[in-house]
Amino acid sequence: MTKENFDLLTYFTGTKRAYGLFQDRFGTVRRRFTVDIVGSVQSGQLRLEESFLYDDGETDKRIWLINSQGGNRFIGRADDVIDHATGKVTGSTLHWQYRMNLKVGNRTIKVDFDDWMFMMPDQILINRAEIKKFGLLLGTVFISFSPIPTEDP
């Protein structure tokens, strides 16, 4: 059992790289992707700039603005998130929930994300997010985050 604590604002300050995949409700891997993330904190607000590269060559970007609400609770916003995301850190775990306008091919659908992030040793963060529509599971996203080492001059 890990004793790593998860400090959301500190962890995402700097650069991270994440590798992920989307698995449909039948267990078929439908898509793989890489995300480069640059995070900065100003006046207590975390800004995450995410750049996605999918295995089919498609790219996408998302910018999150995340604020602490006290008591290890957070609220976040992004252009494709409906209203806002809410989350709570407990020890080494972040539970994050939101509704999103998700691009699927040439259309957009409203889905619910139920995200769990688990801090592991060596600054590895593992994320599992269930995606649902009308309460029915569409699939699961798995992502592993790690710091990008800085090069010595």
Protein backbone atom coordinates (compact mmCIF):
# COMPACT_ATOMS: atom_id res chain seq x y z
CA MET A 1 0.00 0.00 0.00
CA THR A 2 1.45 3.36 -1.02
CA LYS A 3 1.80 6.17 1.47
CA GLU A 4 2.36 8.81 -1.24
CA ASN A 5 0.33 11.97 -0.71
CA PHE A 6 -1.10 13.73 -3.72
CA ASP A 7 -0.65 17.50 -3.86
CA LEU A 8 -2.55 18.44 -7.04
CA LEU A 9 -1.13 21.95 -7.46
CA THR A 10 2.47 20.92 -6.82
CA TYR A 11 2.35 17.72 -8.89
CA PHE A 12 1.13 19.40 -12.06
CA THR A 13 3.48 22.41 -11.85
CA GLY A 14 6.08 21.96 -14.59
CA THR A 15 5.97 19.47 -17.46
CA LYS A 16 4.44 16.01 -17.53
CA ARG A 17 3.91 13.42 -20.23
CA ALA A 18 1.01 11.00 -20.14
CA TYR A 19 0.26 7.86 -22.11
CA GLY A 20 -3.28 6.63 -22.37
CA LEU A 21 -5.90 4.57 -24.09
CA PHE A 22 -9.65 4.36 -24.43
CA GLN A 23 -11.24 0.94 -23.98
CA ASP A 24 -14.90 0.51 -24.95
CA ARG A 25 -17.41 -1.22 -22.67
CA PHE A 26 -16.72 -4.53 -24.44
CA GLY A 27 -12.99 -4.39 -23.65
CA THR A 28 -11.76 -3.38 -27.10
CA VAL A 29 -9.02 -0.74 -27.16
CA ARG A 30 -10.35 1.90 -29.56
CA ARG A 31 -7.75 4.63 -29.28
CA ARG A 32 -4.29 5.33 -27.86
CA PHE A 33 -2.80 8.74 -27.19
CA THR A 34 0.03 10.77 -25.69
CA VAL A 35 -0.48 14.03 -23.79
CA ASP A 36 2.16 16.65 -23.06
CA ILE A 37 1.14 18.84 -20.13
CA VAL A 38 2.56 22.16 -18.98
CA GLY A 39 1.32 23.36 -15.62
CA SER A 40 1.79 26.66 -13.80
CA VAL A 41 0.33 28.22 -10.68
CA GLN A 42 -0.49 31.92 -10.37
CA SER A 43 -2.39 33.39 -7.42
CA GLY A 44 -3.30 29.88 -6.29
CA GLN A 45 -4.84 28.89 -9.65
CA LEU A 46 -3.42 25.91 -11.54
CA ARG A 47 -3.33 26.28 -15.33
CA LEU A 48 -2.83 23.05 -17.26
CA GLU A 49 -2.13 23.22 -20.98
CA GLU A 50 -2.69 19.77 -22.49
CA SER A 51 -1.56 18.82 -26.01
CA PHE A 52 -2.95 15.49 -27.25
CA LEU A 53 -1.56 13.32 -30.04
CA TYR A 54 -3.73 10.33 -30.97
CA ASP A 55 -2.48 7.18 -32.67
CA ASP A 56 -4.38 8.10 -35.86
CA GLY A 57 -2.50 11.43 -36.10
CA GLU A 58 -5.32 13.63 -34.78
CA THR A 59 -4.30 16.36 -32.34
CA ASP A 60 -6.26 18.29 -29.75
CA LYS A 61 -5.65 20.85 -27.02
CA ARG A 62 -7.35 21.57 -23.71
CA ILE A 63 -6.63 24.20 -21.07
CA TRP A 64 -7.78 23.55 -17.51
CA LEU A 65 -8.05 26.25 -14.84
CA ILE A 66 -8.21 24.64 -11.39
CA ASN A 67 -8.77 26.34 -8.04
CA SER A 68 -8.63 25.04 -4.49
CA GLN A 69 -11.90 25.29 -2.58
CA GLY A 70 -10.26 24.41 0.76
CA GLY A 71 -10.54 21.11 2.59
CA ASN A 72 -8.68 19.32 -0.23
CA ARG A 73 -11.55 20.14 -2.61
CA PHE A 74 -11.02 21.56 -6.09
CA ILE A 75 -13.06 23.08 -8.88
CA GLY A 76 -11.93 23.17 -12.49
CA ARG A 77 -13.01 24.56 -15.82
CA ALA A 78 -12.13 23.87 -19.46
CA ASP A 79 -13.82 24.93 -22.70
CA ASP A 80 -15.33 21.49 -23.35
CA VAL A 81 -16.38 20.89 -19.72
CA ILE A 82 -20.02 21.73 -19.01
CA ASP A 83 -20.28 24.06 -16.00
CA HIS A 84 -17.31 22.83 -13.94
CA ALA A 85 -15.46 19.80 -12.61
CA THR A 86 -15.31 19.03 -8.90
CA GLY A 87 -12.77 16.93 -7.09
CA LYS A 88 -11.47 15.94 -3.70
CA VAL A 89 -8.04 14.67 -2.70
CA THR A 90 -7.89 12.06 0.03
CA GLY A 91 -4.33 10.93 0.83
CA SER A 92 -2.87 9.61 -2.42
CA THR A 93 -6.13 9.72 -4.39
CA LEU A 94 -8.04 12.38 -6.35
CA HIS A 95 -11.66 11.72 -7.25
CA TRP A 96 -12.69 14.11 -10.05
CA GLN A 97 -16.13 14.33 -11.71
CA TYR A 98 -17.50 16.39 -14.58
CA ARG A 99 -19.77 16.49 -17.60
CA MET A 100 -18.11 17.13 -20.94
CA ASN A 101 -18.86 17.80 -24.60
CA LEU A 102 -16.80 14.96 -26.10
CA LYS A 103 -15.83 14.98 -29.77
CA VAL A 104 -16.58 11.63 -31.40
CA GLY A 105 -15.80 11.70 -35.10
CA ASN A 106 -17.72 14.62 -36.63
CA ARG A 107 -20.13 15.06 -33.73
CA THR A 108 -20.11 16.02 -30.09
CA ILE A 109 -21.89 14.14 -27.32
CA LYS A 110 -22.48 15.05 -23.67
CA VAL A 111 -20.90 12.48 -21.37
CA ASP A 112 -20.13 12.13 -17.67
CA PHE A 113 -16.56 11.47 -16.49
CA ASP A 114 -15.85 9.74 -13.18
CA ASP A 115 -12.09 10.13 -12.78
CA TRP A 116 -9.88 8.48 -10.15
CA MET A 117 -6.19 9.43 -9.96
CA PHE A 118 -3.75 7.47 -7.80
CA MET A 119 -0.32 8.79 -6.80
CA MET A 120 2.35 6.10 -6.97
CA PRO A 121 6.04 6.10 -6.02
CA ASP A 122 8.53 7.95 -8.26
CA GLN A 123 5.99 10.67 -9.17
CA ILE A 124 3.91 8.32 -11.34
CA LEU A 125 0.19 9.16 -11.39
CA ILE A 126 -2.27 6.53 -12.64
CA ASN A 127 -5.69 7.66 -13.85
CA ARG A 128 -8.81 5.59 -14.53
CA ALA A 129 -11.87 7.41 -15.84
CA GLU A 130 -15.23 5.85 -16.60
CA ILE A 131 -17.22 7.60 -19.33
CA LYS A 132 -20.99 7.29 -19.13
CA LYS A 133 -24.03 8.59 -20.97
CA PHE A 134 -27.44 8.39 -19.30
CA GLY A 135 -25.73 6.31 -16.59
CA LEU A 136 -24.60 3.65 -19.08
CA LEU A 137 -20.90 2.87 -19.38
CA LEU A 138 -19.47 3.80 -22.79
CA GLY A 139 -15.88 2.95 -21.91
CA THR A 140 -12.89 3.59 -19.70
CA VAL A 141 -9.83 5.77 -20.16
CA PHE A 142 -6.53 4.68 -18.60
CA ILE A 143 -3.68 7.20 -18.33
CA SER A 144 -0.23 7.11 -16.74
CA PHE A 145 1.41 10.48 -15.97
CA SER A 146 5.11 11.02 -15.28
CA PRO A 147 7.43 14.02 -15.03
CA ILE A 148 9.51 14.94 -18.06
CA PRO A 149 13.11 15.18 -16.86
CA THR A 150 14.73 18.56 -17.43
CA GLU A 151 17.97 18.54 -19.39
CA ASP A 152 21.09 19.81 -17.63
CA PRO A 153 22.76 22.69 -19.53
